[in-house]
C-alpha cells in the first residue's frame, strides 16, 4: 500500500524563529505558524479558526530562516509530519506532532507595506507576493549571523 506524508502550509510566524546548533554543529530553527481558516457556520455566520503549527528546519535553511524571518512574517512551508514522544524530568509522558520542513519560502505582501504584516493581511494567496532569494538585487546582503562555517561569498546563490 502506498503512503504519502506531505504538508503545504501558508501562514504567519507567531514569534521570531529560535535558532540553535546541536553538538554536531548542524543548525536547527523552530517556529510556529498561525494559519487562519475562514468559513460560514450552518446559520450563515462568518467564522474564523486559527491553527498553530510548529515547524522545524535544519541546516543552512535554518540559518537563513533565523536571519530573515521574524514575528508576523508570512511564509510558505513544504515538508512532512513527524511525531515525537518523550518523558519529562518528573516522569510525565509527552508527545507532539510537528512539520519538518524541506523547503521554506519567504513571502511578502503585494502592496509592499513596511513592517510585519498581520495575520489578517496575509489571509488570501492572491494578496501575497513571492520573494526570489536567488535574485541578488532583491536579496539583502548575507551577514551569516550565528554561522559557524565562516563567511559566505555575497555572489553565491542561496542553497535552496
Protein backbone atom coordinates (compact mmCIF):
# COMPACT_ATOMS: atom_id res chain seq x y z
CA UNK A 1 0.00 0.00 0.00
CA UNK A 2 1.31 3.46 -0.90
CA UNK A 3 1.98 6.10 1.74
CA UNK A 4 2.20 9.87 1.47
CA UNK A 5 3.38 12.29 4.15
CA UNK A 6 3.46 15.77 2.59
CA UNK A 7 2.37 19.11 4.07
CA UNK A 8 1.97 22.51 2.39
CA UNK A 9 1.24 25.48 4.68
CA UNK A 10 0.98 29.24 4.31
CA UNK A 11 0.78 31.29 7.47
CA UNK A 12 2.39 33.94 9.64
CA UNK A 13 5.08 33.38 12.28
CA UNK A 14 3.78 33.84 15.82
CA UNK A 15 7.24 34.89 17.09
CA UNK A 16 10.84 35.14 15.91
CA UNK A 17 12.42 31.79 14.93
CA UNK A 18 14.59 30.13 17.57
CA UNK A 19 17.95 29.22 16.02
CA UNK A 20 20.35 26.88 17.81
CA UNK A 21 23.14 24.46 16.99
CA UNK A 22 23.25 20.82 18.03
CA UNK A 23 26.57 19.32 19.26
CA UNK A 24 27.46 18.06 15.76
CA UNK A 25 27.35 21.69 14.52
CA UNK A 26 24.12 21.42 12.49
CA UNK A 27 21.76 24.37 12.72
CA UNK A 28 18.13 23.86 13.71
CA UNK A 29 15.44 26.55 13.72
CA UNK A 30 11.97 26.21 15.20
CA UNK A 31 8.99 28.50 14.82
CA UNK A 32 5.21 28.35 14.94
CA UNK A 33 2.94 29.29 12.04
CA UNK A 34 -0.53 30.71 12.61
CA UNK A 35 -2.85 29.52 9.84
CA UNK A 36 -6.30 31.06 9.52
CA UNK A 37 -9.37 29.28 8.20
CA UNK A 38 -12.44 31.32 7.29
CA UNK A 39 -15.82 29.63 6.91
CA UNK A 40 -19.55 30.09 7.37
CA UNK A 41 -21.45 28.23 10.06
CA UNK A 42 -24.68 26.40 9.29
CA UNK A 43 -26.55 29.53 10.39
CA UNK A 44 -24.62 31.61 7.81
CA UNK A 45 -22.44 33.41 10.37
CA UNK A 46 -18.87 34.11 9.22
CA UNK A 47 -16.32 32.39 11.47
CA UNK A 48 -12.56 32.26 11.75
CA UNK A 49 -10.45 29.43 13.17
CA UNK A 50 -6.70 29.69 13.74
CA UNK A 51 -4.38 26.67 13.92
CA UNK A 52 -0.89 26.93 15.37
CA UNK A 53 1.62 24.54 13.78
CA UNK A 54 5.20 24.02 15.00
CA UNK A 55 7.82 23.90 12.22
CA UNK A 56 11.38 22.54 12.45
CA UNK A 57 14.01 23.49 9.85
CA UNK A 58 17.53 22.01 9.60
CA UNK A 59 20.89 23.03 8.11
CA UNK A 60 21.61 26.14 6.08
CA UNK A 61 17.88 26.73 5.57
CA UNK A 62 17.56 27.02 9.38
CA UNK A 63 20.27 29.71 9.45
CA UNK A 64 18.56 31.64 6.65
CA UNK A 65 15.19 31.42 8.44
CA UNK A 66 16.80 32.70 11.65
CA UNK A 67 18.31 35.62 9.75
CA UNK A 68 15.39 36.78 7.57
CA UNK A 69 12.14 35.68 9.26
CA UNK A 70 10.60 37.42 12.25
CA UNK A 71 7.32 37.59 14.14
CA UNK A 72 4.46 38.26 11.70
CA UNK A 73 6.41 37.22 8.58
CA UNK A 74 4.29 35.32 6.06
CA UNK A 75 5.90 32.06 4.91
CA UNK A 76 5.16 29.03 2.73
CA UNK A 77 6.37 25.77 4.27
CA UNK A 78 6.64 22.44 2.49
CA UNK A 79 7.58 19.36 4.47
CA UNK A 80 6.41 16.24 6.29
CA UNK A 81 4.63 15.48 9.55
CA UNK A 82 6.67 13.89 12.31
CA UNK A 83 5.56 12.74 15.74
CA UNK A 84 7.84 12.66 18.78
CA UNK A 85 7.45 11.16 22.26
CA UNK A 86 9.49 11.98 25.35
CA UNK A 87 9.35 11.84 29.10
CA UNK A 88 9.66 14.94 31.29
CA UNK A 89 12.00 15.10 34.29
CA UNK A 90 9.06 14.45 36.60
CA UNK A 91 8.13 11.28 34.68
CA UNK A 92 5.19 12.53 32.58
CA UNK A 93 4.91 11.18 29.04
CA UNK A 94 4.57 13.87 26.34
CA UNK A 95 4.07 13.74 22.59
CA UNK A 96 3.82 16.23 19.76
CA UNK A 97 3.30 16.36 16.02
CA UNK A 98 5.31 18.91 14.06
CA UNK A 99 6.25 19.73 10.48
CA UNK A 100 9.84 19.02 9.44
CA UNK A 101 10.38 21.49 6.62
CA UNK A 102 12.06 20.50 3.38
CA UNK A 103 11.51 23.99 1.97
CA UNK A 104 10.61 27.39 3.41
CA UNK A 105 9.70 30.16 1.03
CA UNK A 106 9.61 33.70 2.40
CA UNK A 107 6.59 35.69 1.29
CA UNK A 108 5.82 39.37 1.44
CA UNK A 109 2.74 41.45 0.94
CA UNK A 110 1.91 42.56 -2.62
CA UNK A 111 1.41 46.19 -1.54
CA UNK A 112 5.00 46.27 -0.17
CA UNK A 113 3.98 47.91 3.12
CA UNK A 114 6.69 48.39 5.74
CA UNK A 115 6.72 46.40 8.96
CA UNK A 116 5.46 42.97 9.82
CA UNK A 117 2.10 42.12 8.26
CA UNK A 118 -0.76 40.99 10.44
CA UNK A 119 -2.38 37.58 10.09
CA UNK A 120 -5.45 39.26 8.54
CA UNK A 121 -3.31 40.85 5.79
CA UNK A 122 -1.88 37.53 4.62
CA UNK A 123 -5.12 35.58 4.65
CA UNK A 124 -5.51 35.02 0.91
CA UNK A 125 -2.90 33.75 -1.58
CA UNK A 126 -3.82 36.49 -4.07
CA UNK A 127 -2.51 39.11 -1.60
CA UNK A 128 0.94 37.53 -1.27
CA UNK A 129 3.96 38.14 -3.48
CA UNK A 130 6.89 35.70 -3.51
CA UNK A 131 10.42 36.87 -2.73
CA UNK A 132 13.00 35.27 -5.02
CA UNK A 133 16.09 34.66 -2.86
CA UNK A 134 18.18 33.90 -5.95
CA UNK A 135 17.70 37.45 -7.28
CA UNK A 136 20.70 39.36 -5.88
CA UNK A 137 19.04 42.74 -6.50
CA UNK A 138 16.20 41.95 -4.04
CA UNK A 139 18.01 39.77 -1.52
CA UNK A 140 19.55 41.54 1.49
CA UNK A 141 23.32 41.08 1.89
CA UNK A 142 24.34 37.96 3.80
CA UNK A 143 25.92 38.59 7.19
CA UNK A 144 25.95 34.95 8.43
CA UNK A 145 24.62 35.88 11.87
CA UNK A 146 25.30 32.89 14.10
CA UNK A 147 27.02 30.88 11.36
CA UNK A 148 29.97 28.74 12.44
CA UNK A 149 31.03 27.91 8.88
CA UNK A 150 32.78 31.20 8.05
CA UNK A 151 31.72 33.99 5.77
CA UNK A 152 29.89 33.32 2.54
CA UNK A 153 30.65 34.98 -0.76
CA UNK A 154 27.87 37.52 -1.44
CA UNK A 155 27.73 36.48 -5.10
CA UNK A 156 26.81 32.86 -4.26
CA UNK A 157 23.24 31.73 -4.81
CA UNK A 158 21.05 30.67 -1.91
CA UNK A 159 21.47 26.91 -1.30
CA UNK A 160 17.78 26.08 -1.82
